[in-house]
Amino acid sequence: MAGSRFLSSLLVYLILVSVVCMQICKGDPKIHLPKHVALFIFGDSIFDAGNNNYINTTSTFQSNFWPYGQTFFNSPTGRFSDGRLISDFIAKYANLPLIRPYLHPTNKFYLHGVNFASAGAGALVDTQQGFVIDLKTQLSYFNKVVKVFEEVGHEAGAKALLSRAVYLINIGSNDYLAPFLTNSTLFHSHSAQQYVEFVIGNLTTVIKGIHKNGGRKFAFLGVGPLGCFPLLKAVILQGKDECLQEITELATLHNKDLYKTLLHLEKELEGFVYTYIDSFTIVTELLNNPAKYGLKEGKVACCGSGPFRGYFSCGGRNGEEYKLCNNPSQHLFFDAAHFTDNANQLYAELLWNGNSQSIRPYNLKTLFHV
């Protein structure tokens, strides 16, 4: 892996040098990095554009098989959707290309940004350990990208690019899902508040790490109403059409503590600017009022099996049978815990143009331009 990343760094250098050869030939030993707003993406399956295709993991944390990707890409890409992700649409609205996963073997051009997200990842190293790229490791990958910028461009230019960039982060859901779906000694040996503080503490460390390397503009998705997702309704509630209260309380605690932390960091960190997205409120609205947003089904997933198609069998994981709807665009959920291309676009439009208490103090369109 280290050798491949070295080669990637070398190729980035060669590409950039070729683009600005005239400048180099004039005697400037470094190149000038372009003045645009890059997008760096951290998190879990909501944002994973295919990093987990390149690690040793299980099919639970991969979606590189049909019917994932059927609507937009016409083939699986590693995205947990029938098409694009929220982060893909945000990149589009920001006039950026699709941001490639860091581990993709052809990702040798980082200037538009990088996607470090890994399906199943949490803020805690213990969450799905050994099967995912945890948030701390994602930060280490970002630090390597920073070094590439510093090597191929002026230090001041690299700093300017990193300070203009937006850092989009979605993390925490798996830290709260895992204790209900697998055994978690850490969770069961602490109070809910203590456990949430561990999660927020790890996230805070990563935020400070990004800030130390020049990051200034951050966007955070809060944890959504996980207890109302098809997965929890099928596996834990055994088909009951209600929400799992215990995980709802954890999500509420997380979001409350996250927002308090952001207010504190705004005062502590130089130049720190943030957008907080109240995913709990936004997704609850989509769940309860799908027709208002042009959807026909907010509770039953398009792809899967069991009650609400909430068993994680989409694509025939481990040889399991599954059902697939005729029109994913009519559904909020594509599989047991992830949205369709259409729903991701609806969500992204709210984040980009939203003007409400659910997205504060800036929508993402504003954040890209502050």
Protein backbone atom coordinates (compact mmCIF):
# COMPACT_ATOMS: atom_id res chain seq x y z
CA MET A 1 0.00 0.00 0.00
CA ALA A 2 2.81 2.42 0.91
CA GLY A 3 4.46 1.81 -2.45
CA SER A 4 1.26 2.47 -4.38
CA ARG A 5 0.67 5.73 -2.51
CA PHE A 6 4.25 6.81 -3.29
CA LEU A 7 3.69 6.10 -6.97
CA SER A 8 0.42 8.02 -6.82
CA SER A 9 2.21 11.00 -5.30
CA LEU A 10 4.91 10.82 -7.97
CA LEU A 11 2.34 10.67 -10.76
CA VAL A 12 0.48 13.65 -9.31
CA TYR A 13 3.75 15.55 -9.45
CA LEU A 14 4.39 14.56 -13.07
CA ILE A 15 0.86 15.46 -14.15
CA LEU A 16 1.01 18.86 -12.53
CA VAL A 17 4.47 19.59 -13.89
CA SER A 18 3.34 18.76 -17.42
CA VAL A 19 0.33 21.06 -17.12
CA VAL A 20 2.44 24.03 -16.07
CA CYS A 21 5.64 23.22 -17.92
CA MET A 22 6.05 26.77 -19.22
CA GLN A 23 6.05 28.11 -15.67
CA ILE A 24 8.57 25.50 -14.52
CA CYS A 25 10.80 26.19 -17.49
CA LYS A 26 10.96 29.83 -16.48
CA GLY A 27 12.79 28.75 -13.38
CA ASP A 28 10.00 28.50 -10.80
CA PRO A 29 10.84 25.33 -8.80
CA LYS A 30 7.23 24.92 -7.67
CA ILE A 31 3.86 25.18 -9.39
CA HIS A 32 0.91 27.37 -8.51
CA LEU A 33 -2.09 25.36 -7.34
CA PRO A 34 -5.39 26.41 -8.99
CA LYS A 35 -7.77 28.75 -7.18
CA HIS A 36 -10.96 26.78 -6.72
CA VAL A 37 -12.88 25.30 -3.77
CA ALA A 38 -11.96 21.64 -3.36
CA LEU A 39 -14.12 19.10 -1.51
CA PHE A 40 -12.70 16.62 1.00
CA ILE A 41 -15.13 13.94 2.17
CA PHE A 42 -14.91 11.89 5.37
CA GLY A 43 -17.33 9.39 6.82
CA ASP A 44 -19.20 6.16 6.30
CA SER A 45 -21.43 4.44 3.71
CA ILE A 46 -23.53 7.57 3.16
CA PHE A 47 -20.45 9.02 1.42
CA ASP A 48 -18.32 5.99 0.47
CA ALA A 49 -17.77 6.21 -3.30
CA GLY A 50 -15.83 2.94 -3.45
CA ASN A 51 -12.96 2.94 -0.95
CA ASN A 52 -14.17 -0.34 0.51
CA ASN A 53 -13.70 -1.97 -2.89
CA TYR A 54 -9.98 -1.89 -2.16
CA ILE A 55 -9.77 -3.23 1.39
CA ASN A 56 -10.09 -6.71 2.83
CA THR A 57 -13.63 -6.73 4.20
CA THR A 58 -16.95 -8.57 3.96
CA SER A 59 -19.88 -8.07 1.59
CA THR A 60 -21.74 -6.35 4.44
CA PHE A 61 -19.49 -3.35 3.95
CA GLN A 62 -19.32 -3.46 0.16
CA SER A 63 -21.75 -2.68 -2.63
CA ASN A 64 -19.68 -3.50 -5.70
CA PHE A 65 -22.34 -5.77 -7.18
CA TRP A 66 -25.66 -5.46 -9.01
CA PRO A 67 -28.19 -3.84 -8.55
CA TYR A 68 -26.17 -1.09 -6.82
CA GLY A 69 -25.40 1.63 -9.35
CA GLN A 70 -28.12 0.53 -11.79
CA THR A 71 -29.89 3.88 -12.18
CA PHE A 72 -27.09 6.33 -12.93
CA PHE A 73 -23.83 4.46 -13.54
CA ASN A 74 -25.40 1.33 -15.12
CA SER A 75 -22.94 -0.71 -13.07
CA PRO A 76 -21.90 -1.02 -9.42
CA THR A 77 -19.28 1.47 -8.22
CA GLY A 78 -19.09 0.72 -4.51
CA ARG A 79 -21.73 3.33 -3.68
CA PHE A 80 -24.56 2.19 -1.41
CA SER A 81 -27.28 3.46 -3.73
CA ASP A 82 -28.80 2.75 -7.11
CA GLY A 83 -26.93 5.84 -8.28
CA ARG A 84 -25.23 8.88 -6.84
CA LEU A 85 -24.63 9.88 -3.23
CA ILE A 86 -25.39 13.13 -1.42
CA SER A 87 -21.71 14.04 -1.72
CA ASP A 88 -21.78 13.44 -5.49
CA PHE A 89 -24.57 15.98 -5.89
CA ILE A 90 -22.80 18.49 -3.65
CA ALA A 91 -19.72 18.19 -5.87
CA LYS A 92 -21.91 18.77 -8.93
CA TYR A 93 -23.50 21.88 -7.43
CA ALA A 94 -20.01 23.18 -6.58
CA ASN A 95 -18.95 22.73 -10.24
CA LEU A 96 -16.58 19.91 -9.32
CA PRO A 97 -16.25 16.49 -10.94
CA LEU A 98 -17.19 13.36 -8.99
CA ILE A 99 -14.71 13.19 -6.12
CA ARG A 100 -12.84 9.91 -6.41
CA PRO A 101 -12.18 7.55 -3.50
CA TYR A 102 -8.69 7.87 -2.07
CA LEU A 103 -7.87 4.19 -2.56
CA HIS A 104 -8.97 4.04 -6.20
CA PRO A 105 -5.86 2.98 -8.17
CA THR A 106 -6.37 5.71 -10.77
CA ASN A 107 -6.87 8.49 -8.22
CA LYS A 108 -3.70 10.45 -8.87
CA PHE A 109 -5.10 13.97 -9.14
CA TYR A 110 -6.20 15.34 -5.80
CA LEU A 111 -6.73 19.01 -6.61
CA HIS A 112 -10.53 18.82 -6.75
CA GLY A 113 -10.53 17.00 -3.43
CA VAL A 114 -10.55 13.43 -2.17
CA ASN A 115 -13.17 11.05 -0.78
CA PHE A 116 -11.89 9.12 2.26
CA ALA A 117 -15.25 7.69 3.42
CA SER A 118 -15.60 3.99 4.24
CA ALA A 119 -18.85 2.05 4.60
CA GLY A 120 -19.27 0.80 8.16
CA ALA A 121 -16.77 3.27 9.59
CA GLY A 122 -17.24 5.04 12.89
CA ALA A 123 -15.53 7.72 14.90
CA LEU A 124 -14.45 4.97 17.29
CA VAL A 125 -11.61 2.72 16.18
CA ASP A 126 -13.45 -0.23 17.78
CA THR A 127 -16.45 0.15 15.46
CA GLN A 128 -16.23 -2.63 12.84
CA GLN A 129 -12.49 -2.77 13.55
CA GLY A 130 -10.56 -4.69 10.92
CA PHE A 131 -13.30 -4.38 8.29
CA VAL A 132 -13.43 -0.62 7.63
CA ILE A 133 -11.32 2.52 7.40
CA ASP A 134 -12.04 4.27 10.69
CA LEU A 135 -12.11 8.05 10.96
CA LYS A 136 -8.64 8.27 12.50
CA THR A 137 -7.19 6.37 9.54
CA GLN A 138 -9.09 8.61 7.13
CA LEU A 139 -7.33 11.57 8.78
CA SER A 140 -3.96 9.87 8.24
CA TYR A 141 -4.79 9.55 4.53
CA PHE A 142 -5.68 13.24 4.41
CA ASN A 143 -2.34 14.09 6.03
CA LYS A 144 -0.59 12.21 3.19
CA VAL A 145 -2.53 14.22 0.59
CA VAL A 146 -1.47 17.43 2.34
CA LYS A 147 2.17 16.38 1.99
CA VAL A 148 1.64 15.83 -1.74
CA PHE A 149 0.31 19.38 -2.08
CA GLU A 150 3.26 20.75 -0.15
CA GLU A 151 5.71 18.79 -2.30
CA VAL A 152 4.35 19.84 -5.68
CA GLY A 153 3.21 23.38 -4.96
CA HIS A 154 4.31 26.39 -3.00
CA GLU A 155 3.65 25.90 0.72
CA ALA A 156 1.57 29.07 0.64
CA GLY A 157 -0.40 27.81 -2.34
CA ALA A 158 -1.09 24.50 -0.66
CA LYS A 159 -2.23 26.30 2.49
CA ALA A 160 -4.54 28.53 0.45
CA LEU A 161 -6.12 25.57 -1.37
CA LEU A 162 -6.69 23.71 1.91
CA SER A 163 -8.18 26.76 3.62
CA ARG A 164 -10.58 27.42 0.72
CA ALA A 165 -11.71 23.78 0.65
CA VAL A 166 -14.86 22.41 2.25
CA TYR A 167 -14.60 19.37 4.54
CA LEU A 168 -17.81 17.35 4.43
CA ILE A 169 -18.17 14.86 7.30
CA ASN A 170 -20.79 12.26 8.14
CA ILE A 171 -19.86 9.96 11.03
CA GLY A 172 -21.40 8.41 14.13
CA SER A 173 -24.26 6.29 12.83
CA ASN A 174 -22.26 3.06 12.88
CA ASP A 175 -20.97 3.79 16.38
CA TYR A 176 -24.60 3.66 17.54
CA LEU A 177 -25.85 0.91 15.23
CA ALA A 178 -23.07 -1.54 16.03
CA PRO A 179 -23.99 -2.10 19.70
CA PHE A 180 -27.52 -3.15 18.64
CA LEU A 181 -26.40 -5.41 15.80
CA THR A 182 -23.18 -6.81 17.29
CA ASN A 183 -21.58 -7.10 20.71
CA SER A 184 -19.88 -3.93 22.03
CA THR A 185 -18.03 -4.07 25.34
CA LEU A 186 -17.36 -0.33 25.28
CA PHE A 187 -21.04 0.52 24.85
CA HIS A 188 -22.35 -1.85 27.49
CA SER A 189 -19.77 -0.79 30.08
CA HIS A 190 -20.60 2.93 29.97
CA SER A 191 -23.63 5.17 30.20
CA ALA A 192 -25.22 6.49 27.00
CA GLN A 193 -23.85 9.97 27.72
CA GLN A 194 -20.33 8.66 28.28
CA TYR A 195 -20.44 6.64 25.08
CA VAL A 196 -21.62 9.65 23.07
CA GLU A 197 -18.80 11.70 24.58
CA PHE A 198 -16.29 9.10 23.36
CA VAL A 199 -17.70 9.40 19.83
CA ILE A 200 -17.73 13.21 19.84
CA GLY A 201 -14.26 13.27 21.41
CA ASN A 202 -12.79 11.18 18.61
CA LEU A 203 -14.53 13.33 16.01
CA THR A 204 -13.20 16.48 17.68
CA THR A 205 -9.64 15.13 17.50
CA VAL A 206 -10.03 14.60 13.75
CA ILE A 207 -11.52 18.07 13.24
CA LYS A 208 -8.51 19.57 15.01
CA GLY A 209 -6.20 17.43 12.88
CA ILE A 210 -7.76 18.74 9.68
CA HIS A 211 -7.65 22.29 11.03
CA LYS A 212 -3.97 21.93 11.90
CA ASN A 213 -3.29 21.12 8.25
CA GLY A 214 -5.16 24.16 6.98
CA GLY A 215 -8.84 23.16 6.96
CA ARG A 216 -11.21 25.98 7.89
CA LYS A 217 -14.65 25.29 6.35
CA PHE A 218 -16.50 22.25 7.70
CA ALA A 219 -19.94 20.74 7.09
CA PHE A 220 -21.30 18.09 9.46
CA LEU A 221 -24.30 15.84 9.05
CA GLY A 222 -25.90 14.95 12.36
CA VAL A 223 -27.06 11.39 13.00
CA GLY A 224 -30.44 10.63 11.46
CA PRO A 225 -33.44 8.73 12.91
CA LEU A 226 -31.68 5.37 12.71
CA GLY A 227 -34.31 3.63 14.82
CA CYS A 228 -36.88 4.27 12.08
CA PHE A 229 -34.83 2.76 9.25
CA PRO A 230 -36.01 -0.49 7.60
CA LEU A 231 -32.93 -2.30 8.98
CA LEU A 232 -33.83 -1.70 12.64
CA LYS A 233 -37.54 -2.29 12.06
CA ALA A 234 -36.83 -5.68 10.52
CA VAL A 235 -33.92 -6.97 12.58
CA ILE A 236 -34.56 -5.55 16.05
CA LEU A 237 -38.29 -4.74 16.08
CA GLN A 238 -39.15 -7.86 14.04
CA GLY A 239 -41.42 -6.05 11.60
CA LYS A 240 -43.16 -3.61 13.93
CA ASP A 241 -43.97 -0.30 12.27
CA GLU A 242 -42.41 1.86 14.95
CA CYS A 243 -39.03 3.34 15.80
CA LEU A 244 -36.44 1.86 18.17
CA GLN A 245 -36.45 4.33 21.04
CA GLU A 246 -33.05 3.42 22.53
CA ILE A 247 -31.12 4.32 19.39
CA THR A 248 -33.27 7.41 18.84
CA GLU A 249 -32.15 8.68 22.24
CA LEU A 250 -28.51 8.07 21.32
CA ALA A 251 -28.91 9.98 18.06
CA THR A 252 -30.52 12.88 19.92
CA LEU A 253 -27.68 12.96 22.48
CA HIS A 254 -25.08 12.82 19.71
CA ASN A 255 -26.61 15.70 17.76
CA LYS A 256 -26.96 17.85 20.87
CA ASP A 257 -23.34 17.28 21.88
CA LEU A 258 -22.05 17.74 18.34
CA TYR A 259 -23.70 21.13 17.98
CA LYS A 260 -22.35 22.27 21.37
CA THR A 261 -18.89 21.14 20.31
CA LEU A 262 -19.09 23.12 17.07
CA LEU A 263 -20.05 26.27 18.96
CA HIS A 264 -17.03 25.73 21.21
CA LEU A 265 -14.64 25.04 18.32
CA GLU A 266 -15.81 28.21 16.59
CA LYS A 267 -14.32 30.13 19.51
CA GLU A 268 -11.26 27.92 19.98
CA LEU A 269 -9.97 27.36 16.43
CA GLU A 270 -8.72 30.21 14.26
CA GLY A 271 -10.89 30.79 11.20
CA PHE A 272 -13.16 27.82 11.96
CA VAL A 273 -16.42 28.07 9.99
CA TYR A 274 -19.06 25.34 10.03
CA THR A 275 -22.42 24.18 8.75
CA TYR A 276 -24.47 21.85 10.92
CA ILE A 277 -27.09 19.73 9.16
CA ASP A 278 -29.92 18.43 11.33
CA SER A 279 -30.24 15.09 9.55
CA PHE A 280 -32.63 13.79 12.18
CA THR A 281 -35.26 16.41 11.33
CA ILE A 282 -34.67 16.29 7.57
CA VAL A 283 -34.87 12.50 7.24
CA THR A 284 -37.83 12.26 9.63
CA GLU A 285 -39.68 14.68 7.36
CA LEU A 286 -38.86 12.57 4.28
CA LEU A 287 -39.93 9.41 6.12
CA ASN A 288 -43.26 10.79 7.27
CA ASN A 289 -44.19 12.88 4.24
CA PRO A 290 -42.66 11.25 1.15
CA ALA A 291 -45.40 12.46 -1.21
CA LYS A 292 -44.55 16.06 -0.36
CA TYR A 293 -41.16 15.46 -2.01
CA GLY A 294 -42.39 13.44 -4.98
CA LEU A 295 -41.77 10.03 -3.41
CA LYS A 296 -44.36 7.25 -3.14
CA GLU A 297 -42.70 5.09 -0.47
CA GLY A 298 -40.86 6.30 2.64
CA LYS A 299 -40.77 3.16 4.78
CA VAL A 300 -40.20 0.12 2.55
CA ALA A 301 -36.80 -0.19 0.88
CA CYS A 302 -36.54 -0.82 -2.86
CA CYS A 303 -34.04 -3.67 -2.52
CA GLY A 304 -33.88 -6.32 0.19
CA SER A 305 -36.05 -8.88 1.92
CA GLY A 306 -38.16 -9.36 5.02
CA PRO A 307 -40.35 -6.75 6.72
CA PHE A 308 -39.95 -3.34 5.05
CA ARG A 309 -37.27 -5.11 2.95
CA GLY A 310 -35.11 -4.35 5.95
CA TYR A 311 -32.90 -7.45 5.83
CA PHE A 312 -29.55 -6.45 4.38
CA SER A 313 -29.74 -8.89 1.47
CA CYS A 314 -29.77 -6.52 -1.52
CA GLY A 315 -27.78 -7.99 -4.35
CA GLY A 316 -27.90 -11.46 -2.86
CA ARG A 317 -25.29 -11.00 -0.15
CA ASN A 318 -24.11 -14.39 1.10
CA GLY A 319 -26.46 -16.11 -1.36
CA GLU A 320 -29.60 -14.63 0.19
CA GLU A 321 -32.73 -14.10 -1.90
CA TYR A 322 -33.98 -10.55 -2.27
CA LYS A 323 -36.63 -8.48 -4.00
CA LEU A 324 -36.06 -5.41 -6.15
CA CYS A 325 -38.65 -2.72 -6.85
CA ASN A 326 -39.46 -1.62 -10.38
CA ASN A 327 -38.78 2.08 -9.88
CA PRO A 328 -36.17 3.09 -7.25
CA SER A 329 -36.89 6.79 -7.80
CA GLN A 330 -40.24 6.35 -6.00
CA HIS A 331 -38.54 5.11 -2.81
CA LEU A 332 -36.69 6.95 -0.05
CA PHE A 333 -34.57 3.90 0.77
CA PHE A 334 -32.75 1.84 -1.82
CA ASP A 335 -31.64 -0.84 0.64
CA ALA A 336 -32.18 -1.38 4.36
CA ALA A 337 -30.23 1.70 5.46
CA HIS A 338 -29.29 3.79 2.40
CA PHE A 339 -31.12 6.19 0.11
CA THR A 340 -31.92 6.05 -3.58
CA ASP A 341 -30.30 8.31 -6.16
CA ASN A 342 -33.48 10.40 -6.26
CA ALA A 343 -33.66 10.74 -2.47
CA ASN A 344 -29.97 11.65 -2.27
CA GLN A 345 -30.60 14.42 -4.79
CA LEU A 346 -33.55 15.73 -2.76
CA TYR A 347 -31.40 15.68 0.37
CA ALA A 348 -28.46 17.39 -1.36
CA GLU A 349 -30.70 20.14 -2.74
CA LEU A 350 -31.91 20.86 0.79
CA LEU A 351 -28.32 21.06 2.03
CA TRP A 352 -27.20 23.26 -0.85
CA ASN A 353 -30.06 25.77 -0.91
CA GLY A 354 -31.72 25.22 2.47
CA ASN A 355 -32.67 28.16 4.61
CA SER A 356 -34.01 26.83 7.88
CA GLN A 357 -33.13 25.80 11.39
CA SER A 358 -32.26 22.37 10.01
CA ILE A 359 -29.17 23.77 8.25
CA ARG A 360 -27.30 26.39 10.23
CA PRO A 361 -25.72 28.87 10.24
CA TYR A 362 -25.00 28.52 6.50
CA ASN A 363 -26.30 26.31 3.73
CA LEU A 364 -23.60 24.58 1.70
CA LYS A 365 -23.85 26.99 -1.22
CA THR A 366 -22.94 29.81 1.16
CA LEU A 367 -20.22 27.76 2.88
CA PHE A 368 -18.46 27.21 -0.45
CA HIS A 369 -18.28 30.95 -0.96
CA VAL A 370 -17.45 32.32 2.51
